[in-house]
Amino acid sequence: RELTKDPFAEGIILSIFLQICDGLMPFHQALTQPLAHRDLKPQNILLTQDLTPVIMDLGSVELARVQIDTHSQAQHLQDIAAEKSTISYRPPELFQVSSKCKIDERTDIWSLGCLLYAMCFYKSPFDLVWERGDSVALAVQSGSNNLHFPSSIKGGQSHSYSSDLKKLIQSMLEGELSSRPHLVEVMETATVLSEASEDQV
């Protein structure tokens, strides 16, 4: 779509995104212990001909809720993230893991925010940082504070994505994990936006 200068309409983006969230929900609500995918990105979402998304590459899946109490535990989690989580979709808490912290399934919400951004603008906001040769870690740690939404998509055409869709992306890219919404809240907001988008057709 980037090559053909044919971006998805907002309604289609939200429809695909909500189906991705549906697919992720059983991970986050696993009966024994919640799981996190930890490597959500466009390359790990297959689309069927009718645009039904399929989440793939489950080799990165880990227990979502982790209590870190020591430096060695923090280093271990950081090393796993460096190995299994793509740098431009990795949340800030997995770049510099504190020796006293709690990690939960909202690590995936950050990646989902990057994914939703990429569905609109073809790339994660941090792919652009990587391509410039700047520090992805520093950019990620500033989170939504320095998030830039292009006024036009590559090829020159202006985009028509709503301010509410951009606010949803910003909420998912909160630097503090505790400030990010849970998946249920993301889906509630996306559903409202999807219904509003249908009304405008």
N, C-alpha and C. Protein backbone atom coordinates (compact mmCIF):
# COMPACT_ATOMS: atom_id res chain seq x y z
N ARG A 1 0.83 -1.21 0.00
CA ARG A 1 0.00 0.00 0.00
C ARG A 1 0.86 1.26 0.00
N GLU A 2 2.03 1.18 0.62
CA GLU A 2 2.95 2.31 0.56
C GLU A 2 3.42 2.52 -0.88
N LEU A 3 3.77 1.44 -1.55
CA LEU A 3 4.27 1.54 -2.92
C LEU A 3 3.19 2.05 -3.88
N THR A 4 1.96 1.64 -3.64
CA THR A 4 0.88 2.05 -4.54
C THR A 4 0.19 3.33 -4.06
N LYS A 5 0.69 3.91 -2.94
CA LYS A 5 0.11 5.13 -2.37
C LYS A 5 -1.40 4.95 -2.12
N ASP A 6 -1.71 3.86 -1.46
CA ASP A 6 -3.11 3.49 -1.23
C ASP A 6 -3.34 3.16 0.24
N PRO A 7 -3.35 4.17 1.11
CA PRO A 7 -3.53 3.91 2.55
C PRO A 7 -4.91 3.35 2.87
N PHE A 8 -4.97 2.59 3.93
CA PHE A 8 -6.26 2.10 4.42
C PHE A 8 -7.10 3.27 4.91
N ALA A 9 -8.41 3.20 4.71
CA ALA A 9 -9.34 4.14 5.33
C ALA A 9 -9.41 3.86 6.82
N GLU A 10 -9.79 4.87 7.60
CA GLU A 10 -9.81 4.71 9.06
C GLU A 10 -10.71 3.57 9.51
N GLY A 11 -11.86 3.43 8.89
CA GLY A 11 -12.79 2.36 9.26
C GLY A 11 -12.19 0.98 9.07
N ILE A 12 -11.46 0.79 7.97
CA ILE A 12 -10.82 -0.50 7.70
C ILE A 12 -9.70 -0.76 8.71
N ILE A 13 -8.92 0.28 8.99
CA ILE A 13 -7.85 0.15 9.99
C ILE A 13 -8.43 -0.29 11.33
N LEU A 14 -9.51 0.35 11.75
CA LEU A 14 -10.10 0.03 13.05
C LEU A 14 -10.69 -1.38 13.07
N SER A 15 -11.27 -1.79 11.94
CA SER A 15 -11.83 -3.14 11.85
C SER A 15 -10.72 -4.19 12.01
N ILE A 16 -9.61 -4.01 11.28
CA ILE A 16 -8.49 -4.94 11.38
C ILE A 16 -7.89 -4.90 12.78
N PHE A 17 -7.73 -3.69 13.32
CA PHE A 17 -7.12 -3.52 14.64
C PHE A 17 -7.95 -4.21 15.71
N LEU A 18 -9.26 -4.06 15.66
CA LEU A 18 -10.12 -4.69 16.67
C LEU A 18 -10.04 -6.22 16.59
N GLN A 19 -9.89 -6.75 15.39
CA GLN A 19 -9.74 -8.20 15.24
C GLN A 19 -8.39 -8.67 15.81
N ILE A 20 -7.35 -7.84 15.64
CA ILE A 20 -6.05 -8.16 16.25
C ILE A 20 -6.19 -8.18 17.77
N CYS A 21 -6.89 -7.19 18.30
CA CYS A 21 -7.12 -7.13 19.75
C CYS A 21 -7.90 -8.35 20.23
N ASP A 22 -8.91 -8.75 19.44
CA ASP A 22 -9.68 -9.97 19.78
C ASP A 22 -8.76 -11.18 19.86
N GLY A 23 -7.83 -11.25 18.92
CA GLY A 23 -6.89 -12.38 18.91
C GLY A 23 -5.93 -12.35 20.08
N LEU A 24 -5.61 -11.15 20.55
CA LEU A 24 -4.68 -11.00 21.67
C LEU A 24 -5.35 -11.23 23.02
N MET A 25 -6.65 -11.01 23.08
CA MET A 25 -7.37 -11.08 24.35
C MET A 25 -7.19 -12.42 25.09
N PRO A 26 -7.24 -13.57 24.42
CA PRO A 26 -7.04 -14.83 25.16
C PRO A 26 -5.67 -14.93 25.83
N PHE A 27 -4.65 -14.26 25.27
CA PHE A 27 -3.34 -14.21 25.91
C PHE A 27 -3.44 -13.43 27.23
N HIS A 28 -4.02 -12.24 27.14
CA HIS A 28 -4.07 -11.34 28.30
C HIS A 28 -5.02 -11.83 29.38
N GLN A 29 -6.00 -12.66 28.99
CA GLN A 29 -6.97 -13.16 29.96
C GLN A 29 -6.85 -14.66 30.18
N ALA A 30 -5.65 -15.19 29.97
CA ALA A 30 -5.43 -16.62 30.20
C ALA A 30 -5.82 -17.00 31.63
N LEU A 31 -6.47 -18.14 31.78
CA LEU A 31 -7.06 -18.50 33.06
C LEU A 31 -6.02 -18.71 34.16
N THR A 32 -4.90 -19.33 33.84
CA THR A 32 -3.88 -19.57 34.87
C THR A 32 -3.08 -18.30 35.13
N GLN A 33 -2.32 -17.87 34.13
CA GLN A 33 -1.56 -16.62 34.24
C GLN A 33 -1.61 -15.90 32.91
N PRO A 34 -1.84 -14.58 32.93
CA PRO A 34 -1.86 -13.82 31.67
C PRO A 34 -0.53 -13.94 30.92
N LEU A 35 -0.61 -13.94 29.61
CA LEU A 35 0.56 -14.02 28.74
C LEU A 35 0.67 -12.73 27.94
N ALA A 36 1.87 -12.44 27.49
CA ALA A 36 2.11 -11.29 26.60
C ALA A 36 2.82 -11.80 25.36
N HIS A 37 2.44 -11.27 24.21
CA HIS A 37 3.07 -11.69 22.95
C HIS A 37 4.51 -11.19 22.88
N ARG A 38 4.72 -9.95 23.25
CA ARG A 38 6.03 -9.29 23.35
C ARG A 38 6.74 -9.00 22.01
N ASP A 39 6.08 -9.29 20.88
CA ASP A 39 6.69 -8.90 19.61
C ASP A 39 5.62 -8.62 18.55
N LEU A 40 4.62 -7.84 18.94
CA LEU A 40 3.57 -7.46 18.00
C LEU A 40 4.12 -6.41 17.03
N LYS A 41 3.99 -6.67 15.75
CA LYS A 41 4.47 -5.77 14.71
C LYS A 41 3.81 -6.20 13.40
N PRO A 42 3.83 -5.36 12.37
CA PRO A 42 3.15 -5.72 11.12
C PRO A 42 3.62 -7.05 10.54
N GLN A 43 4.92 -7.34 10.66
CA GLN A 43 5.46 -8.58 10.09
C GLN A 43 4.92 -9.82 10.79
N ASN A 44 4.36 -9.66 11.99
CA ASN A 44 3.80 -10.80 12.72
C ASN A 44 2.28 -10.85 12.66
N ILE A 45 1.70 -10.07 11.75
CA ILE A 45 0.26 -10.13 11.51
C ILE A 45 0.05 -10.49 10.04
N LEU A 46 -0.50 -11.67 9.80
CA LEU A 46 -0.85 -12.05 8.43
C LEU A 46 -2.27 -11.58 8.14
N LEU A 47 -2.52 -11.17 6.89
CA LEU A 47 -3.86 -10.78 6.47
C LEU A 47 -4.35 -11.76 5.40
N THR A 48 -5.54 -12.29 5.62
CA THR A 48 -6.15 -13.12 4.59
C THR A 48 -6.68 -12.21 3.48
N GLN A 49 -7.19 -12.80 2.42
CA GLN A 49 -7.68 -11.99 1.29
C GLN A 49 -8.82 -11.07 1.69
N ASP A 50 -9.61 -11.49 2.68
CA ASP A 50 -10.72 -10.64 3.13
C ASP A 50 -10.30 -9.74 4.30
N LEU A 51 -8.97 -9.57 4.49
CA LEU A 51 -8.39 -8.68 5.50
C LEU A 51 -8.64 -9.13 6.94
N THR A 52 -8.80 -10.45 7.12
CA THR A 52 -8.86 -10.99 8.49
C THR A 52 -7.43 -11.18 8.99
N PRO A 53 -7.08 -10.57 10.13
CA PRO A 53 -5.70 -10.70 10.64
C PRO A 53 -5.50 -11.99 11.41
N VAL A 54 -4.29 -12.54 11.30
CA VAL A 54 -3.89 -13.72 12.05
C VAL A 54 -2.57 -13.40 12.75
N ILE A 55 -2.56 -13.50 14.08
CA ILE A 55 -1.33 -13.23 14.84
C ILE A 55 -0.43 -14.45 14.74
N MET A 56 0.83 -14.22 14.40
CA MET A 56 1.77 -15.33 14.25
C MET A 56 3.04 -15.09 15.05
N ASP A 57 3.98 -16.01 14.94
CA ASP A 57 5.28 -15.97 15.59
C ASP A 57 5.12 -15.89 17.11
N LEU A 58 4.77 -17.01 17.71
CA LEU A 58 4.51 -17.05 19.15
C LEU A 58 5.76 -17.41 19.96
N GLY A 59 6.91 -17.42 19.31
CA GLY A 59 8.15 -17.74 20.03
C GLY A 59 8.55 -16.69 21.05
N SER A 60 7.96 -15.50 20.96
CA SER A 60 8.30 -14.42 21.89
C SER A 60 7.39 -14.39 23.11
N VAL A 61 6.34 -15.23 23.12
CA VAL A 61 5.34 -15.19 24.19
C VAL A 61 5.97 -15.55 25.54
N GLU A 62 5.65 -14.72 26.54
CA GLU A 62 6.16 -14.93 27.90
C GLU A 62 5.03 -14.68 28.90
N LEU A 63 5.23 -15.10 30.15
CA LEU A 63 4.30 -14.71 31.20
C LEU A 63 4.25 -13.19 31.25
N ALA A 64 3.05 -12.63 31.29
CA ALA A 64 2.91 -11.18 31.20
C ALA A 64 3.30 -10.47 32.48
N ARG A 65 2.95 -11.06 33.61
CA ARG A 65 3.14 -10.38 34.90
C ARG A 65 4.39 -10.91 35.59
N VAL A 66 5.35 -10.02 35.72
CA VAL A 66 6.65 -10.40 36.27
C VAL A 66 7.02 -9.42 37.38
N GLN A 67 7.39 -9.97 38.53
CA GLN A 67 7.89 -9.15 39.64
C GLN A 67 9.41 -9.19 39.60
N ILE A 68 10.03 -8.03 39.46
CA ILE A 68 11.49 -7.93 39.43
C ILE A 68 11.97 -7.40 40.77
N ASP A 69 12.86 -8.16 41.43
CA ASP A 69 13.34 -7.76 42.76
C ASP A 69 14.86 -7.60 42.82
N THR A 70 15.56 -8.09 41.80
CA THR A 70 17.02 -8.04 41.83
C THR A 70 17.57 -7.56 40.50
N HIS A 71 18.80 -7.13 40.52
CA HIS A 71 19.47 -6.68 39.30
C HIS A 71 19.60 -7.82 38.29
N SER A 72 19.87 -9.02 38.76
CA SER A 72 20.04 -10.16 37.84
C SER A 72 18.72 -10.52 37.15
N GLN A 73 17.60 -10.43 37.89
CA GLN A 73 16.30 -10.65 37.28
C GLN A 73 16.02 -9.60 36.21
N ALA A 74 16.35 -8.35 36.55
CA ALA A 74 16.14 -7.25 35.60
C ALA A 74 16.98 -7.45 34.35
N GLN A 75 18.23 -7.84 34.53
CA GLN A 75 19.12 -8.05 33.38
C GLN A 75 18.63 -9.20 32.51
N HIS A 76 18.12 -10.25 33.16
CA HIS A 76 17.61 -11.41 32.42
C HIS A 76 16.43 -11.01 31.54
N LEU A 77 15.49 -10.26 32.12
CA LEU A 77 14.31 -9.82 31.36
C LEU A 77 14.73 -8.90 30.21
N GLN A 78 15.66 -8.02 30.48
CA GLN A 78 16.16 -7.09 29.47
C GLN A 78 16.83 -7.86 28.32
N ASP A 79 17.59 -8.89 28.66
CA ASP A 79 18.27 -9.70 27.64
C ASP A 79 17.27 -10.46 26.77
N ILE A 80 16.24 -11.01 27.41
CA ILE A 80 15.19 -11.73 26.65
C ILE A 80 14.49 -10.77 25.69
N ALA A 81 14.18 -9.57 26.20
CA ALA A 81 13.50 -8.58 25.36
C ALA A 81 14.38 -8.18 24.17
N ALA A 82 15.67 -8.00 24.43
CA ALA A 82 16.59 -7.63 23.35
C ALA A 82 16.67 -8.72 22.28
N GLU A 83 16.51 -9.96 22.71
CA GLU A 83 16.59 -11.09 21.78
C GLU A 83 15.30 -11.30 21.01
N LYS A 84 14.14 -11.12 21.69
CA LYS A 84 12.88 -11.55 21.10
C LYS A 84 11.94 -10.41 20.69
N SER A 85 12.17 -9.20 21.17
CA SER A 85 11.25 -8.09 20.89
C SER A 85 11.91 -7.10 19.93
N THR A 86 11.27 -6.83 18.82
CA THR A 86 11.82 -5.93 17.81
C THR A 86 12.00 -4.53 18.38
N ILE A 87 13.16 -3.94 18.14
CA ILE A 87 13.55 -2.71 18.82
C ILE A 87 12.55 -1.56 18.63
N SER A 88 12.02 -1.40 17.43
CA SER A 88 11.14 -0.25 17.17
C SER A 88 9.70 -0.49 17.61
N TYR A 89 9.43 -1.66 18.20
CA TYR A 89 8.10 -1.96 18.76
C TYR A 89 8.20 -2.33 20.25
N ARG A 90 9.41 -2.24 20.80
CA ARG A 90 9.67 -2.64 22.19
C ARG A 90 9.33 -1.50 23.14
N PRO A 91 8.60 -1.77 24.23
CA PRO A 91 8.23 -0.71 25.17
C PRO A 91 9.41 -0.25 26.02
N PRO A 92 9.34 0.97 26.56
CA PRO A 92 10.48 1.53 27.30
C PRO A 92 10.89 0.72 28.51
N GLU A 93 9.92 0.09 29.18
CA GLU A 93 10.26 -0.66 30.41
C GLU A 93 11.09 -1.90 30.12
N LEU A 94 11.18 -2.32 28.84
CA LEU A 94 12.00 -3.47 28.49
C LEU A 94 13.36 -3.07 27.91
N PHE A 95 13.59 -1.76 27.75
CA PHE A 95 14.92 -1.29 27.35
C PHE A 95 15.84 -1.18 28.56
N GLN A 96 15.33 -0.56 29.62
CA GLN A 96 16.09 -0.40 30.86
C GLN A 96 15.22 -0.93 31.99
N VAL A 97 15.35 -2.21 32.27
CA VAL A 97 14.49 -2.83 33.29
C VAL A 97 15.01 -2.47 34.67
N SER A 98 14.14 -1.89 35.48
CA SER A 98 14.51 -1.52 36.84
C SER A 98 14.66 -2.77 37.70
N SER A 99 15.55 -2.69 38.69
CA SER A 99 15.76 -3.85 39.58
C SER A 99 14.65 -3.99 40.62
N LYS A 100 13.72 -3.02 40.65
CA LYS A 100 12.55 -3.12 41.53
C LYS A 100 11.34 -2.63 40.72
N CYS A 101 10.62 -3.55 40.12
CA CYS A 101 9.47 -3.14 39.31
C CYS A 101 8.53 -4.32 39.08
N LYS A 102 7.36 -4.00 38.55
CA LYS A 102 6.40 -5.01 38.12
C LYS A 102 6.11 -4.76 36.64
N ILE A 103 6.16 -5.82 35.86
CA ILE A 103 5.84 -5.76 34.44
C ILE A 103 4.52 -6.50 34.24
N ASP A 104 3.65 -6.02 33.36
CA ASP A 104 2.42 -6.75 33.09
C ASP A 104 2.10 -6.73 31.59
N GLU A 105 0.89 -7.17 31.27
CA GLU A 105 0.51 -7.36 29.86
C GLU A 105 0.45 -6.06 29.06
N ARG A 106 0.54 -4.92 29.75
CA ARG A 106 0.51 -3.64 29.02
C ARG A 106 1.80 -3.37 28.24
N THR A 107 2.80 -4.26 28.36
CA THR A 107 3.93 -4.18 27.42
C THR A 107 3.40 -4.34 25.99
N ASP A 108 2.40 -5.20 25.81
CA ASP A 108 1.80 -5.40 24.48
C ASP A 108 1.03 -4.18 23.99
N ILE A 109 0.51 -3.39 24.92
CA ILE A 109 -0.27 -2.21 24.52
C ILE A 109 0.63 -1.22 23.81
N TRP A 110 1.87 -1.05 24.29
CA TRP A 110 2.83 -0.18 23.61
C TRP A 110 3.03 -0.66 22.18
N SER A 111 3.30 -1.96 22.03
CA SER A 111 3.54 -2.52 20.69
C SER A 111 2.31 -2.35 19.80
N LEU A 112 1.13 -2.53 20.38
CA LEU A 112 -0.12 -2.32 19.63
C LEU A 112 -0.25 -0.87 19.16
N GLY A 113 0.19 0.07 20.01
CA GLY A 113 0.16 1.48 19.62
C GLY A 113 1.07 1.74 18.44
N CYS A 114 2.27 1.13 18.47
CA CYS A 114 3.19 1.26 17.33
C CYS A 114 2.60 0.61 16.08
N LEU A 115 1.94 -0.53 16.28
CA LEU A 115 1.33 -1.24 15.17
C LEU A 115 0.19 -0.42 14.55
N LEU A 116 -0.64 0.18 15.39
CA LEU A 116 -1.75 1.00 14.89
C LEU A 116 -1.21 2.21 14.13
N TYR A 117 -0.16 2.82 14.64
CA TYR A 117 0.50 3.94 13.95
C TYR A 117 0.98 3.47 12.57
N ALA A 118 1.61 2.29 12.53
CA ALA A 118 2.13 1.76 11.27
C ALA A 118 1.01 1.45 10.28
N MET A 119 -0.14 1.03 10.79
CA MET A 119 -1.28 0.77 9.90
C MET A 119 -1.74 2.06 9.23
N CYS A 120 -1.56 3.17 9.91
CA CYS A 120 -1.94 4.48 9.35
C CYS A 120 -0.85 5.04 8.45
N PHE A 121 0.40 4.95 8.90
CA PHE A 121 1.50 5.69 8.25
C PHE A 121 2.61 4.79 7.71
N TYR A 122 2.33 3.47 7.63
CA TYR A 122 3.21 2.48 7.01
C TYR A 122 4.37 2.01 7.88
N LYS A 123 4.77 2.78 8.87
CA LYS A 123 5.90 2.40 9.72
C LYS A 123 5.62 2.83 11.16
N SER A 124 6.26 2.12 12.09
CA SER A 124 6.23 2.56 13.49
C SER A 124 6.90 3.93 13.60
N PRO A 125 6.48 4.76 14.55
CA PRO A 125 7.19 6.04 14.73
C PRO A 125 8.66 5.84 15.05
N PHE A 126 9.00 4.67 15.59
CA PHE A 126 10.39 4.42 15.98
C PHE A 126 11.19 3.74 14.87
N ASP A 127 10.50 3.20 13.85
CA ASP A 127 11.19 2.78 12.63
C ASP A 127 11.85 4.00 11.99
N LEU A 128 11.15 5.12 12.01
CA LEU A 128 11.68 6.35 11.40
C LEU A 128 12.93 6.82 12.15
N VAL A 129 12.92 6.68 13.47
CA VAL A 129 14.08 7.04 14.29
C VAL A 129 15.26 6.14 13.92
N TRP A 130 15.00 4.84 13.81
CA TRP A 130 16.03 3.86 13.46
C TRP A 130 16.64 4.19 12.10
N GLU A 131 15.78 4.54 11.14
CA GLU A 131 16.27 4.82 9.78
C GLU A 131 17.13 6.08 9.74
N ARG A 132 16.86 7.02 10.63
CA ARG A 132 17.68 8.23 10.70
C ARG A 132 19.02 7.97 11.39
N GLY A 133 19.14 6.84 12.05
CA GLY A 133 20.36 6.52 12.78
C GLY A 133 20.39 7.10 14.18
N ASP A 134 19.24 7.61 14.65
CA ASP A 134 19.15 8.15 16.00
C ASP A 134 18.90 7.02 17.01
N SER A 135 18.97 7.34 18.28
CA SER A 135 18.79 6.34 19.33
C SER A 135 17.32 5.99 19.51
N VAL A 136 16.97 4.74 19.20
CA VAL A 136 15.59 4.28 19.39
C VAL A 136 15.28 4.25 20.88
N ALA A 137 16.24 3.81 21.70
CA ALA A 137 16.01 3.72 23.15
C ALA A 137 15.62 5.08 23.73
N LEU A 138 16.33 6.14 23.36
CA LEU A 138 16.01 7.48 23.86
C LEU A 138 14.65 7.93 23.38
N ALA A 139 14.35 7.68 22.10
CA ALA A 139 13.06 8.10 21.54
C ALA A 139 11.92 7.35 22.21
N VAL A 140 12.10 6.08 22.43
CA VAL A 140 11.07 5.26 23.07
C VAL A 140 10.83 5.74 24.50
N GLN A 141 11.89 6.08 25.21
CA GLN A 141 11.74 6.49 26.60
C GLN A 141 11.04 7.85 26.75
N SER A 142 11.00 8.62 25.66
CA SER A 142 10.23 9.87 25.71
C SER A 142 8.76 9.62 25.37
N GLY A 143 8.46 8.41 24.87
CA GLY A 143 7.08 7.99 24.65
C GLY A 143 6.28 8.94 23.78
N SER A 144 5.04 9.16 24.19
CA SER A 144 4.12 9.98 23.39
C SER A 144 4.45 11.46 23.46
N ASN A 145 5.41 11.85 24.33
CA ASN A 145 5.75 13.27 24.46
C ASN A 145 6.27 13.86 23.15
N ASN A 146 7.04 13.05 22.40
CA ASN A 146 7.61 13.53 21.15
C ASN A 146 7.03 12.82 19.93
N LEU A 147 5.83 12.28 20.08
CA LEU A 147 5.21 11.55 18.98
C LEU A 147 4.77 12.52 17.89
N HIS A 148 5.17 12.21 16.66
CA HIS A 148 4.86 13.07 15.53
C HIS A 148 3.91 12.35 14.58
N PHE A 149 2.81 13.02 14.24
CA PHE A 149 1.88 12.48 13.24
C PHE A 149 2.06 13.25 11.94
N PRO A 150 2.47 12.58 10.87
CA PRO A 150 2.67 13.30 9.61
C PRO A 150 1.37 13.92 9.12
N SER A 151 1.47 15.10 8.53
CA SER A 151 0.27 15.74 7.97
C SER A 151 -0.09 15.14 6.63
N SER A 152 0.88 14.47 6.01
CA SER A 152 0.61 13.74 4.77
C SER A 152 1.37 12.44 4.78
N ILE A 153 0.87 11.49 4.03
CA ILE A 153 1.49 10.18 3.94
C ILE A 153 2.46 10.21 2.76
N LYS A 154 3.48 9.37 2.83
CA LYS A 154 4.48 9.32 1.76
C LYS A 154 3.77 9.24 0.40
N GLY A 155 4.14 10.10 -0.48
CA GLY A 155 3.48 10.16 -1.78
C GLY A 155 2.74 11.46 -1.95
N GLY A 156 2.59 12.20 -0.83
CA GLY A 156 2.06 13.55 -0.94
C GLY A 156 0.61 13.72 -0.54
N GLN A 157 -0.19 12.63 -0.53
CA GLN A 157 -1.60 12.82 -0.22
C GLN A 157 -1.78 13.07 1.27
N SER A 158 -2.72 13.93 1.62
CA SER A 158 -2.98 14.20 3.03
C SER A 158 -3.78 13.03 3.60
N HIS A 159 -3.59 12.77 4.90
CA HIS A 159 -4.36 11.69 5.50
C HIS A 159 -5.63 12.25 6.12
N SER A 160 -6.56 11.36 6.38
CA SER A 160 -7.85 11.81 6.92
C SER A 160 -8.14 11.12 8.25
N TYR A 161 -7.10 10.79 8.99
CA TYR A 161 -7.31 10.10 10.25
C TYR A 161 -7.73 11.09 11.33
N SER A 162 -8.70 10.66 12.12
CA SER A 162 -9.31 11.56 13.10
C SER A 162 -8.37 11.85 14.27
N SER A 163 -8.63 12.98 14.92
CA SER A 163 -7.84 13.33 16.11
C SER A 163 -8.07 12.31 17.21
N ASP A 164 -9.26 11.69 17.25
CA ASP A 164 -9.54 10.68 18.28
C ASP A 164 -8.71 9.42 18.05
N LEU A 165 -8.48 9.06 16.79
CA LEU A 165 -7.62 7.91 16.50
C LEU A 165 -6.19 8.20 16.96
N LYS A 166 -5.74 9.42 16.70
CA LYS A 166 -4.38 9.80 17.14
C LYS A 166 -4.29 9.81 18.67
N LYS A 167 -5.36 10.25 19.34
CA LYS A 167 -5.36 10.23 20.81
C LYS A 167 -5.29 8.81 21.34
N LEU A 168 -5.95 7.89 20.65
CA LEU A 168 -5.88 6.48 21.06
C LEU A 168 -4.44 5.97 20.95
N ILE A 169 -3.79 6.28 19.84
CA ILE A 169 -2.40 5.87 19.66
C ILE A 169 -1.52 6.47 20.76
N GLN A 170 -1.72 7.77 21.04
CA GLN A 170 -0.92 8.43 22.08
C GLN A 170 -1.12 7.78 23.44
N SER A 171 -2.36 7.41 23.75
CA SER A 171 -2.64 6.79 25.05
C SER A 171 -1.92 5.45 25.19
N MET A 172 -1.76 4.74 24.07
CA MET A 172 -1.10 3.44 24.10
C MET A 172 0.41 3.59 24.18
N LEU A 173 0.92 4.76 23.79
CA LEU A 173 2.37 5.00 23.81
C LEU A 173 2.78 5.86 24.99
N GLU A 174 2.07 5.69 26.10
CA GLU A 174 2.47 6.34 27.36
C GLU A 174 3.76 5.69 27.85
N GLY A 175 4.74 6.51 28.21
CA GLY A 175 6.02 5.99 28.65
C GLY A 175 5.93 5.16 29.91
N GLU A 176 5.03 5.57 30.82
CA GLU A 176 4.85 4.82 32.08
C GLU A 176 3.85 3.69 31.85
N LEU A 177 4.28 2.47 32.10
CA LEU A 177 3.40 1.32 31.91
C LEU A 177 2.09 1.48 32.67
N SER A 178 2.17 1.98 33.89
CA SER A 178 0.97 2.11 34.74
C SER A 178 -0.04 3.12 34.18
N SER A 179 0.40 3.99 33.27
CA SER A 179 -0.49 4.99 32.68
C SER A 179 -1.17 4.50 31.41
N ARG A 180 -0.71 3.36 30.90
CA ARG A 180 -1.29 2.82 29.67
C ARG A 180 -2.61 2.11 29.94
N PRO A 181 -3.54 2.17 29.00
CA PRO A 181 -4.80 1.43 29.18
C PRO A 181 -4.58 -0.07 29.05
N HIS A 182 -5.48 -0.83 29.63
CA HIS A 182 -5.50 -2.28 29.41
C HIS A 182 -6.19 -2.56 28.07
N LEU A 183 -6.06 -3.77 27.60
CA LEU A 183 -6.58 -4.13 26.28
C LEU A 183 -8.09 -3.91 26.19
N VAL A 184 -8.82 -4.21 27.24
CA VAL A 184 -10.28 -4.01 27.24
C VAL A 184 -10.61 -2.54 26.99
N GLU A 185 -9.88 -1.64 27.64
CA GLU A 185 -10.13 -0.20 27.45
C GLU A 185 -9.78 0.24 26.03
N VAL A 186 -8.69 -0.29 25.50
CA VAL A 186 -8.31 0.02 24.12
C VAL A 186 -9.42 -0.40 23.16
N MET A 187 -9.95 -1.59 23.37
CA MET A 187 -11.00 -2.11 22.50
C MET A 187 -12.28 -1.30 22.62
N GLU A 188 -12.59 -0.87 23.83
CA GLU A 188 -13.80 -0.04 24.01
C GLU A 188 -13.69 1.26 23.23
N THR A 189 -12.52 1.91 23.33
CA THR A 189 -12.30 3.17 22.60
C THR A 189 -12.31 2.93 21.10
N ALA A 190 -11.63 1.90 20.64
CA ALA A 190 -11.55 1.60 19.21
C ALA A 190 -12.93 1.24 18.65
N THR A 191 -13.76 0.58 19.45
CA THR A 191 -15.11 0.22 19.01
C THR A 191 -15.95 1.48 18.79
N VAL A 192 -15.86 2.42 19.72
CA VAL A 192 -16.59 3.70 19.59
C VAL A 192 -16.13 4.42 18.32
N LEU A 193 -14.81 4.46 18.10
CA LEU A 193 -14.29 5.13 16.90
C LEU A 193 -14.72 4.42 15.64
N SER A 194 -14.77 3.08 15.68
CA SER A 194 -15.18 2.30 14.52
C SER A 194 -16.64 2.58 14.19
N GLU A 195 -17.48 2.65 15.20
CA GLU A 195 -18.91 2.92 14.98
C GLU A 195 -19.10 4.32 14.43
N ALA A 196 -18.31 5.28 14.93
CA ALA A 196 -18.39 6.66 14.42
C ALA A 196 -17.93 6.71 12.97
N SER A 197 -16.92 5.93 12.65
CA SER A 197 -16.41 5.88 11.27
C SER A 197 -17.45 5.31 10.33
N GLU A 198 -18.19 4.28 10.78
CA GLU A 198 -19.25 3.69 9.95
C GLU A 198 -20.37 4.68 9.70
N ASP A 199 -20.67 5.49 10.71
CA ASP A 199 -21.73 6.50 10.57
C ASP A 199 -21.40 7.54 9.52
N GLN A 200 -20.09 7.76 9.31
CA GLN A 200 -19.67 8.80 8.36
C GLN A 200 -19.62 8.32 6.92
N VAL A 201 -19.72 6.97 6.75
CA VAL A 201 -19.66 6.41 5.38
C VAL A 201 -20.95 6.68 4.63
